[in-house]
């Protein structure tokens, strides 16, 4: 008996596999330098099967812009410390009267 077409999973064949065959594990261990010819094929070490891609940081974008226009970045950098000190001055409160 076959499975009904409405019950089939569309992406089941192309999904992520979390178990590797022995040959895939040996290839990964060879690449990492943890397996040599002549080593036993039974009792292989564990091998990670998936790696998460790291998200790119937003700090990489300003560096690219700073390299394109270094003269424009210098005045902006000089204005930033002045703005911080000006903003900090009103925040200071006078001593409370009793």
PDB file of N, CA and C in Angstrom:
ATOM      1  N   UNK A   1       0.844  -1.175   0.000  1.00  0.00           N
ATOM      2  CA  UNK A   1       0.000   0.000   0.000  1.00  0.00           C
ATOM      3  C   UNK A   1       0.897   1.248   0.000  1.00  0.00           C
ATOM      4  N   UNK A   2       0.524   2.254  -0.773  1.00  0.00           N
ATOM      5  CA  UNK A   2       1.323   3.475  -0.856  1.00  0.00           C
ATOM      6  C   UNK A   2       0.709   4.576  -0.012  1.00  0.00           C
ATOM      7  N   UNK A   3       1.496   5.616   0.224  1.00  0.00           N
ATOM      8  CA  UNK A   3       1.023   6.745   1.025  1.00  0.00           C
ATOM      9  C   UNK A   3       0.221   7.695   0.129  1.00  0.00           C
ATOM     10  N   UNK A   4      -0.829   8.253   0.662  1.00  0.00           N
ATOM     11  CA  UNK A   4      -1.669   9.180  -0.086  1.00  0.00           C
ATOM     12  C   UNK A   4      -0.881  10.453  -0.382  1.00  0.00           C
ATOM     13  N   UNK A   5      -1.121  11.060  -1.529  1.00  0.00           N
ATOM     14  CA  UNK A   5      -0.349  12.232  -1.948  1.00  0.00           C
ATOM     15  C   UNK A   5      -0.533  13.419  -1.004  1.00  0.00           C
ATOM     16  N   UNK A   6      -1.653  13.532  -0.325  1.00  0.00           N
ATOM     17  CA  UNK A   6      -1.870  14.653   0.592  1.00  0.00           C
ATOM     18  C   UNK A   6      -1.073  14.488   1.891  1.00  0.00           C
ATOM     19  N   UNK A   7      -0.591  13.269   2.162  1.00  0.00           N
ATOM     20  CA  UNK A   7       0.147  13.016   3.396  1.00  0.00           C
ATOM     21  C   UNK A   7       1.660  13.055   3.208  1.00  0.00           C
ATOM     22  N   UNK A   8       2.125  13.206   1.981  1.00  0.00           N
ATOM     23  CA  UNK A   8       3.560  13.226   1.703  1.00  0.00           C
ATOM     24  C   UNK A   8       4.160  14.559   2.148  1.00  0.00           C
ATOM     25  N   UNK A   9       5.395  14.498   2.609  1.00  0.00           N
ATOM     26  CA  UNK A   9       6.131  15.719   2.946  1.00  0.00           C
ATOM     27  C   UNK A   9       6.861  16.192   1.704  1.00  0.00           C
ATOM     28  N   UNK A  10       6.714  17.440   1.376  1.00  0.00           N
ATOM     29  CA  UNK A  10       7.290  17.942   0.125  1.00  0.00           C
ATOM     30  C   UNK A  10       8.809  18.028   0.181  1.00  0.00           C
ATOM     31  N   UNK A  11       9.384  18.453   1.293  1.00  0.00           N
ATOM     32  CA  UNK A  11      10.831  18.650   1.353  1.00  0.00           C
ATOM     33  C   UNK A  11      11.559  17.586   2.131  1.00  0.00           C
ATOM     34  N   UNK A  12      10.985  16.412   2.259  1.00  0.00           N
ATOM     35  CA  UNK A  12      11.589  15.365   3.080  1.00  0.00           C
ATOM     36  C   UNK A  12      12.901  14.863   2.489  1.00  0.00           C
ATOM     37  N   UNK A  13      13.009  14.781   1.188  1.00  0.00           N
ATOM     38  CA  UNK A  13      14.212  14.222   0.573  1.00  0.00           C
ATOM     39  C   UNK A  13      15.391  15.179   0.670  1.00  0.00           C
ATOM     40  N   UNK A  14      15.145  16.450   0.634  1.00  0.00           N
ATOM     41  CA  UNK A  14      16.231  17.411   0.629  1.00  0.00           C
ATOM     42  C   UNK A  14      16.511  18.034   1.981  1.00  0.00           C
ATOM     43  N   UNK A  15      15.992  17.457   3.041  1.00  0.00           N
ATOM     44  CA  UNK A  15      16.165  18.030   4.373  1.00  0.00           C
ATOM     45  C   UNK A  15      17.548  17.786   4.948  1.00  0.00           C
ATOM     46  N   UNK A  16      17.787  18.334   6.121  1.00  0.00           N
ATOM     47  CA  UNK A  16      19.058  18.192   6.810  1.00  0.00           C
ATOM     48  C   UNK A  16      19.171  16.807   7.428  1.00  0.00           C
ATOM     49  N   UNK A  17      20.295  16.147   7.182  1.00  0.00           N
ATOM     50  CA  UNK A  17      20.549  14.836   7.784  1.00  0.00           C
ATOM     51  C   UNK A  17      21.425  15.018   9.008  1.00  0.00           C
ATOM     52  N   UNK A  18      21.027  14.456  10.120  1.00  0.00           N
ATOM     53  CA  UNK A  18      21.830  14.605  11.324  1.00  0.00           C
ATOM     54  C   UNK A  18      22.625  13.342  11.643  1.00  0.00           C
ATOM     55  N   UNK A  19      22.585  12.345  10.773  1.00  0.00           N
ATOM     56  CA  UNK A  19      23.389  11.136  10.938  1.00  0.00           C
ATOM     57  C   UNK A  19      24.178  10.926   9.656  1.00  0.00           C
ATOM     58  N   UNK A  20      25.501  10.755   9.789  1.00  0.00           N
ATOM     59  CA  UNK A  20      26.356  10.550   8.631  1.00  0.00           C
ATOM     60  C   UNK A  20      26.704   9.082   8.491  1.00  0.00           C
ATOM     61  N   UNK A  21      26.996   8.676   7.252  1.00  0.00           N
ATOM     62  CA  UNK A  21      27.485   7.331   7.024  1.00  0.00           C
ATOM     63  C   UNK A  21      28.919   7.234   7.516  1.00  0.00           C
ATOM     64  N   UNK A  22      29.430   6.024   7.614  1.00  0.00           N
ATOM     65  CA  UNK A  22      30.800   5.830   8.091  1.00  0.00           C
ATOM     66  C   UNK A  22      31.795   6.526   7.169  1.00  0.00           C
ATOM     67  N   UNK A  23      31.582   6.451   5.873  1.00  0.00           N
ATOM     68  CA  UNK A  23      32.511   7.073   4.917  1.00  0.00           C
ATOM     69  C   UNK A  23      32.494   8.598   5.047  1.00  0.00           C
ATOM     70  N   UNK A  24      31.326   9.193   5.273  1.00  0.00           N
ATOM     71  CA  UNK A  24      31.245  10.643   5.474  1.00  0.00           C
ATOM     72  C   UNK A  24      31.980  11.049   6.745  1.00  0.00           C
ATOM     73  N   UNK A  25      31.835  10.259   7.807  1.00  0.00           N
ATOM     74  CA  UNK A  25      32.517  10.564   9.065  1.00  0.00           C
ATOM     75  C   UNK A  25      34.026  10.447   8.901  1.00  0.00           C
ATOM     76  N   UNK A  26      34.491   9.409   8.185  1.00  0.00           N
ATOM     77  CA  UNK A  26      35.927   9.240   7.965  1.00  0.00           C
ATOM     78  C   UNK A  26      36.472  10.405   7.146  1.00  0.00           C
ATOM     79  N   UNK A  27      35.721  10.834   6.123  1.00  0.00           N
ATOM     80  CA  UNK A  27      36.171  11.971   5.305  1.00  0.00           C
ATOM     81  C   UNK A  27      36.282  13.241   6.155  1.00  0.00           C
ATOM     82  N   UNK A  28      35.315  13.461   7.052  1.00  0.00           N
ATOM     83  CA  UNK A  28      35.359  14.653   7.910  1.00  0.00           C
ATOM     84  C   UNK A  28      36.515  14.567   8.899  1.00  0.00           C
ATOM     85  N   UNK A  29      36.772  13.369   9.436  1.00  0.00           N
ATOM     86  CA  UNK A  29      37.884  13.200  10.369  1.00  0.00           C
ATOM     87  C   UNK A  29      39.227  13.350   9.664  1.00  0.00           C
ATOM     88  N   UNK A  30      39.343  12.884   8.419  1.00  0.00           N
ATOM     89  CA  UNK A  30      40.574  13.066   7.639  1.00  0.00           C
ATOM     90  C   UNK A  30      40.836  14.547   7.412  1.00  0.00           C
ATOM     91  N   UNK A  31      39.793  15.264   7.066  1.00  0.00           N
ATOM     92  CA  UNK A  31      39.928  16.704   6.794  1.00  0.00           C
ATOM     93  C   UNK A  31      40.403  17.447   8.042  1.00  0.00           C
ATOM     94  N   UNK A  32      39.911  17.012   9.220  1.00  0.00           N
ATOM     95  CA  UNK A  32      40.313  17.640  10.477  1.00  0.00           C
ATOM     96  C   UNK A  32      41.648  17.113  10.989  1.00  0.00           C
ATOM     97  N   UNK A  33      42.178  16.064  10.348  1.00  0.00           N
ATOM     98  CA  UNK A  33      43.453  15.504  10.767  1.00  0.00           C
ATOM     99  C   UNK A  33      43.352  14.594  11.978  1.00  0.00           C
ATOM    100  N   UNK A  34      42.163  14.064  12.253  1.00  0.00           N
ATOM    101  CA  UNK A  34      41.971  13.209  13.421  1.00  0.00           C
ATOM    102  C   UNK A  34      41.850  11.734  13.052  1.00  0.00           C
ATOM    103  N   UNK A  35      42.040  11.381  11.771  1.00  0.00           N
ATOM    104  CA  UNK A  35      41.985   9.992  11.340  1.00  0.00           C
ATOM    105  C   UNK A  35      43.032   9.784  10.267  1.00  0.00           C
ATOM    106  N   UNK A  36      43.774   8.696  10.361  1.00  0.00           N
ATOM    107  CA  UNK A  36      44.825   8.373   9.384  1.00  0.00           C
ATOM    108  C   UNK A  36      44.528   7.016   8.776  1.00  0.00           C
ATOM    109  N   UNK A  37      45.131   6.753   7.604  1.00  0.00           N
ATOM    110  CA  UNK A  37      44.993   5.443   6.978  1.00  0.00           C
ATOM    111  C   UNK A  37      45.513   4.388   7.933  1.00  0.00           C
ATOM    112  N   UNK A  38      44.787   3.305   8.052  1.00  0.00           N
ATOM    113  CA  UNK A  38      45.186   2.220   8.934  1.00  0.00           C
ATOM    114  C   UNK A  38      44.497   2.269  10.288  1.00  0.00           C
ATOM    115  N   UNK A  39      43.865   3.393  10.634  1.00  0.00           N
ATOM    116  CA  UNK A  39      43.114   3.474  11.891  1.00  0.00           C
ATOM    117  C   UNK A  39      41.858   2.613  11.786  1.00  0.00           C
ATOM    118  N   UNK A  40      41.315   2.256  12.939  1.00  0.00           N
ATOM    119  CA  UNK A  40      40.108   1.431  12.966  1.00  0.00           C
ATOM    120  C   UNK A  40      38.908   2.219  12.444  1.00  0.00           C
ATOM    121  N   UNK A  41      38.018   1.521  11.775  1.00  0.00           N
ATOM    122  CA  UNK A  41      36.815   2.174  11.255  1.00  0.00           C
ATOM    123  C   UNK A  41      35.640   1.994  12.205  1.00  0.00           C
ATOM    124  N   UNK A  42      35.776   1.108  13.185  1.00  0.00           N
ATOM    125  CA  UNK A  42      34.735   0.964  14.196  1.00  0.00           C
ATOM    126  C   UNK A  42      35.075   1.863  15.368  1.00  0.00           C
ATOM    127  N   UNK A  43      34.062   2.381  16.009  1.00  0.00           N
ATOM    128  CA  UNK A  43      34.284   3.238  17.169  1.00  0.00           C
ATOM    129  C   UNK A  43      34.886   4.579  16.791  1.00  0.00           C
ATOM    130  N   UNK A  44      34.395   5.162  15.704  1.00  0.00           N
ATOM    131  CA  UNK A  44      34.917   6.459  15.258  1.00  0.00           C
ATOM    132  C   UNK A  44      34.527   7.556  16.238  1.00  0.00           C
ATOM    133  N   UNK A  45      35.305   8.608  16.245  1.00  0.00           N
ATOM    134  CA  UNK A  45      34.988   9.766  17.078  1.00  0.00           C
ATOM    135  C   UNK A  45      33.736  10.448  16.566  1.00  0.00           C
ATOM    136  N   UNK A  46      33.156  11.254  17.442  1.00  0.00           N
ATOM    137  CA  UNK A  46      31.966  12.015  17.057  1.00  0.00           C
ATOM    138  C   UNK A  46      32.352  13.125  16.088  1.00  0.00           C
ATOM    139  N   UNK A  47      31.426  13.434  15.182  1.00  0.00           N
ATOM    140  CA  UNK A  47      31.646  14.478  14.182  1.00  0.00           C
ATOM    141  C   UNK A  47      30.413  15.357  14.147  1.00  0.00           C
ATOM    142  N   UNK A  48      30.614  16.651  14.208  1.00  0.00           N
ATOM    143  CA  UNK A  48      29.473  17.579  14.091  1.00  0.00           C
ATOM    144  C   UNK A  48      28.949  17.553  12.675  1.00  0.00           C
ATOM    145  N   UNK A  49      27.634  17.512  12.537  1.00  0.00           N
ATOM    146  CA  UNK A  49      27.034  17.407  11.213  1.00  0.00           C
ATOM    147  C   UNK A  49      26.511  18.731  10.689  1.00  0.00           C
ATOM    148  N   UNK A  50      26.365  19.728  11.536  1.00  0.00           N
ATOM    149  CA  UNK A  50      25.854  21.005  11.056  1.00  0.00           C
ATOM    150  C   UNK A  50      26.553  22.141  11.777  1.00  0.00           C
ATOM    151  N   UNK A  51      26.689  23.232  11.096  1.00  0.00           N
ATOM    152  CA  UNK A  51      27.307  24.422  11.657  1.00  0.00           C
ATOM    153  C   UNK A  51      26.387  25.598  11.379  1.00  0.00           C
ATOM    154  N   UNK A  52      26.143  26.379  12.384  1.00  0.00           N
ATOM    155  CA  UNK A  52      25.311  27.561  12.192  1.00  0.00           C
ATOM    156  C   UNK A  52      26.144  28.654  11.548  1.00  0.00           C
ATOM    157  N   UNK A  53      25.564  29.345  10.600  1.00  0.00           N
ATOM    158  CA  UNK A  53      26.243  30.464   9.968  1.00  0.00           C
ATOM    159  C   UNK A  53      26.145  31.665  10.891  1.00  0.00           C
ATOM    160  N   UNK A  54      27.272  32.298  11.139  1.00  0.00           N
ATOM    161  CA  UNK A  54      27.268  33.463  12.004  1.00  0.00           C
ATOM    162  C   UNK A  54      26.707  34.661  11.254  1.00  0.00           C
ATOM    163  N   UNK A  55      25.911  35.453  11.941  1.00  0.00           N
ATOM    164  CA  UNK A  55      25.334  36.654  11.343  1.00  0.00           C
ATOM    165  C   UNK A  55      26.418  37.712  11.216  1.00  0.00           C
ATOM    166  N   UNK A  56      26.361  38.445  10.133  1.00  0.00           N
ATOM    167  CA  UNK A  56      27.339  39.504   9.935  1.00  0.00           C
ATOM    168  C   UNK A  56      27.009  40.671  10.840  1.00  0.00           C
ATOM    169  N   UNK A  57      28.034  41.236  11.442  1.00  0.00           N
ATOM    170  CA  UNK A  57      27.836  42.361  12.346  1.00  0.00           C
ATOM    171  C   UNK A  57      27.631  43.643  11.556  1.00  0.00           C
ATOM    172  N   UNK A  58      26.902  44.568  12.145  1.00  0.00           N
ATOM    173  CA  UNK A  58      26.650  45.846  11.489  1.00  0.00           C
ATOM    174  C   UNK A  58      27.879  46.738  11.518  1.00  0.00           C
ATOM    175  N   UNK A  59      28.842  46.448  12.379  1.00  0.00           N
ATOM    176  CA  UNK A  59      30.051  47.254  12.485  1.00  0.00           C
ATOM    177  C   UNK A  59      30.905  47.142  11.227  1.00  0.00           C
ATOM    178  N   UNK A  60      30.733  46.093  10.452  1.00  0.00           N
ATOM    179  CA  UNK A  60      31.507  45.922   9.228  1.00  0.00           C
ATOM    180  C   UNK A  60      31.115  46.959   8.182  1.00  0.00           C
ATOM    181  N   UNK A  61      29.871  47.399   8.172  1.00  0.00           N
ATOM    182  CA  UNK A  61      29.421  48.378   7.188  1.00  0.00           C
ATOM    183  C   UNK A  61      30.069  49.755   7.394  1.00  0.00           C
ATOM    184  N   UNK A  62      30.133  50.299   8.629  1.00  0.00           N
ATOM    185  CA  UNK A  62      30.767  51.607   8.782  1.00  0.00           C
ATOM    186  C   UNK A  62      32.245  51.604   8.437  1.00  0.00           C
ATOM    187  N   UNK A  63      32.935  50.497   8.649  1.00  0.00           N
ATOM    188  CA  UNK A  63      34.343  50.430   8.296  1.00  0.00           C
ATOM    189  C   UNK A  63      34.525  50.581   6.802  1.00  0.00           C
ATOM    190  N   UNK A  64      33.637  49.988   6.020  1.00  0.00           N
ATOM    191  CA  UNK A  64      33.727  50.089   4.574  1.00  0.00           C
ATOM    192  C   UNK A  64      33.477  51.536   4.138  1.00  0.00           C
ATOM    193  N   UNK A  65      32.543  52.200   4.781  1.00  0.00           N
ATOM    194  CA  UNK A  65      32.255  53.589   4.446  1.00  0.00           C
ATOM    195  C   UNK A  65      33.397  54.496   4.896  1.00  0.00           C
ATOM    196  N   UNK A  66      34.005  54.203   6.030  1.00  0.00           N
ATOM    197  CA  UNK A  66      35.101  55.034   6.533  1.00  0.00           C
ATOM    198  C   UNK A  66      36.299  54.945   5.613  1.00  0.00           C
ATOM    199  N   UNK A  67      36.529  53.785   5.014  1.00  0.00           N
ATOM    200  CA  UNK A  67      37.640  53.623   4.087  1.00  0.00           C
ATOM    201  C   UNK A  67      37.405  54.404   2.806  1.00  0.00           C
ATOM    202  N   UNK A  68      36.163  54.581   2.409  1.00  0.00           N
ATOM    203  CA  UNK A  68      35.846  55.290   1.175  1.00  0.00           C
ATOM    204  C   UNK A  68      35.977  56.796   1.353  1.00  0.00           C
ATOM    205  N   UNK A  69      35.611  57.309   2.528  1.00  0.00           N
ATOM    206  CA  UNK A  69      35.662  58.751   2.746  1.00  0.00           C
ATOM    207  C   UNK A  69      36.293  59.048   4.110  1.00  0.00           C
ATOM    208  N   UNK A  70      37.629  58.992   4.243  1.00  0.00           N
ATOM    209  CA  UNK A  70      38.242  59.236   5.544  1.00  0.00           C
ATOM    210  C   UNK A  70      38.122  60.690   5.984  1.00  0.00           C
ATOM    211  N   UNK A  71      38.068  61.613   5.057  1.00  0.00           N
ATOM    212  CA  UNK A  71      37.975  63.022   5.419  1.00  0.00           C
ATOM    213  C   UNK A  71      36.603  63.340   6.013  1.00  0.00           C
ATOM    214  N   UNK A  72      35.584  62.692   5.518  1.00  0.00           N
ATOM    215  CA  UNK A  72      34.234  62.933   6.030  1.00  0.00           C
ATOM    216  C   UNK A  72      34.050  62.301   7.398  1.00  0.00           C
ATOM    217  N   UNK A  73      34.761  61.241   7.683  1.00  0.00           N
ATOM    218  CA  UNK A  73      34.602  60.546   8.958  1.00  0.00           C
ATOM    219  C   UNK A  73      35.290  61.308  10.096  1.00  0.00           C
ATOM    220  N   UNK A  74      36.354  62.023   9.812  1.00  0.00           N
ATOM    221  CA  UNK A  74      37.107  62.713  10.855  1.00  0.00           C
ATOM    222  C   UNK A  74      36.280  63.810  11.541  1.00  0.00           C
ATOM    223  N   UNK A  75      35.590  64.698  10.804  1.00  0.00           N
ATOM    224  CA  UNK A  75      34.789  65.705  11.499  1.00  0.00           C
ATOM    225  C   UNK A  75      33.650  65.093  12.310  1.00  0.00           C
ATOM    226  N   UNK A  76      33.082  64.033  11.826  1.00  0.00           N
ATOM    227  CA  UNK A  76      31.994  63.397  12.559  1.00  0.00           C
ATOM    228  C   UNK A  76      32.515  62.790  13.854  1.00  0.00           C
ATOM    229  N   UNK A  77      33.708  62.215  13.829  1.00  0.00           N
ATOM    230  CA  UNK A  77      34.295  61.618  15.027  1.00  0.00           C
ATOM    231  C   UNK A  77      34.659  62.700  16.039  1.00  0.00           C
ATOM    232  N   UNK A  78      35.106  63.853  15.572  1.00  0.00           N
ATOM    233  CA  UNK A  78      35.461  64.944  16.480  1.00  0.00           C
ATOM    234  C   UNK A  78      34.214  65.558  17.116  1.00  0.00           C
ATOM    235  N   UNK A  79      33.106  65.559  16.401  1.00  0.00           N
ATOM    236  CA  UNK A  79      31.877  66.142  16.924  1.00  0.00           C
ATOM    237  C   UNK A  79      31.223  65.234  17.961  1.00  0.00           C
ATOM    238  N   UNK A  80      31.447  63.950  17.868  1.00  0.00           N
ATOM    239  CA  UNK A  80      30.810  63.010  18.786  1.00  0.00           C
ATOM    240  C   UNK A  80      31.221  63.236  20.244  1.00  0.00           C
ATOM    241  N   UNK A  81      32.519  63.389  20.579  1.00  0.00           N
ATOM    242  CA  UNK A  81      32.870  63.623  21.988  1.00  0.00           C
ATOM    243  C   UNK A  81      32.314  64.949  22.512  1.00  0.00           C
ATOM    244  N   UNK A  82      32.272  65.961  21.663  1.00  0.00           N
ATOM    245  CA  UNK A  82      31.739  67.247  22.092  1.00  0.00           C
ATOM    246  C   UNK A  82      30.249  67.129  22.412  1.00  0.00           C
ATOM    247  N   UNK A  83      29.544  66.351  21.635  1.00  0.00           N
ATOM    248  CA  UNK A  83      28.118  66.164  21.869  1.00  0.00           C
ATOM    249  C   UNK A  83      27.877  65.414  23.169  1.00  0.00           C
ATOM    250  N   UNK A  84      28.753  64.479  23.490  1.00  0.00           N
ATOM    251  CA  UNK A  84      28.591  63.725  24.725  1.00  0.00           C
ATOM    252  C   UNK A  84      28.789  64.622  25.940  1.00  0.00           C
ATOM    253  N   UNK A  85      29.785  65.488  25.925  1.00  0.00           N
ATOM    254  CA  UNK A  85      30.035  66.357  27.079  1.00  0.00           C
ATOM    255  C   UNK A  85      28.925  67.391  27.220  1.00  0.00           C
ATOM    256  N   UNK A  86      28.392  67.877  26.099  1.00  0.00           N
ATOM    257  CA  UNK A  86      27.309  68.854  26.157  1.00  0.00           C
ATOM    258  C   UNK A  86      26.042  68.200  26.719  1.00  0.00           C
ATOM    259  N   UNK A  87      25.816  66.949  26.362  1.00  0.00           N
ATOM    260  CA  UNK A  87      24.629  66.261  26.849  1.00  0.00           C
ATOM    261  C   UNK A  87      24.781  65.912  28.330  1.00  0.00           C
ATOM    262  N   UNK A  88      25.998  65.679  28.779  1.00  0.00           N
ATOM    263  CA  UNK A  88      26.228  65.292  30.163  1.00  0.00           C
ATOM    264  C   UNK A  88      26.075  66.489  31.113  1.00  0.00           C
ATOM    265  N   UNK A  89      26.366  67.688  30.663  1.00  0.00           N
ATOM    266  CA  UNK A  89      26.301  68.864  31.528  1.00  0.00           C
ATOM    267  C   UNK A  89      24.886  69.127  32.051  1.00  0.00           C
ATOM    268  N   UNK A  90      23.823  69.117  31.224  1.00  0.00           N
ATOM    269  CA  UNK A  90      22.493  69.358  31.770  1.00  0.00           C
ATOM    270  C   UNK A  90      22.018  68.236  32.677  1.00  0.00           C
ATOM    271  N   UNK A  91      22.579  67.055  32.525  1.00  0.00           N
ATOM    272  CA  UNK A  91      22.142  65.934  33.340  1.00  0.00           C
ATOM    273  C   UNK A  91      22.582  66.080  34.791  1.00  0.00           C
ATOM    274  N   UNK A  92      23.659  66.857  35.037  1.00  0.00           N
ATOM    275  CA  UNK A  92      24.134  67.039  36.401  1.00  0.00           C
ATOM    276  C   UNK A  92      23.130  67.915  37.153  1.00  0.00           C
ATOM    277  N   UNK A  93      22.709  67.472  38.329  1.00  0.00           N
ATOM    278  CA  UNK A  93      21.711  68.206  39.087  1.00  0.00           C
ATOM    279  C   UNK A  93      22.367  68.994  40.200  1.00  0.00           C
ATOM    280  N   UNK A  94      21.753  70.085  40.536  1.00  0.00           N
ATOM    281  CA  UNK A  94      22.242  70.898  41.659  1.00  0.00           C
ATOM    282  C   UNK A  94      21.890  70.189  42.956  1.00  0.00           C
ATOM    283  N   UNK A  95      22.656  70.441  44.039  1.00  0.00           N
ATOM    284  CA  UNK A  95      22.335  69.802  45.322  1.00  0.00           C
ATOM    285  C   UNK A  95      20.937  70.202  45.782  1.00  0.00           C
ATOM    286  N   UNK A  96      20.250  69.280  46.365  1.00  0.00           N
ATOM    287  CA  UNK A  96      18.899  69.515  46.836  1.00  0.00           C
ATOM    288  C   UNK A  96      18.903  70.438  48.071  1.00  0.00           C
ATOM    289  N   UNK A  97      17.942  71.366  48.119  1.00  0.00           N
ATOM    290  CA  UNK A  97      17.842  72.279  49.273  1.00  0.00           C
ATOM    291  C   UNK A  97      17.006  71.617  50.364  1.00  0.00           C
ATOM    292  N   UNK A  98      17.386  71.885  51.610  1.00  0.00           N
ATOM    293  CA  UNK A  98      16.628  71.335  52.732  1.00  0.00           C
ATOM    294  C   UNK A  98      15.763  72.374  53.376  1.00  0.00           C
TER     295      UNK A  98
END
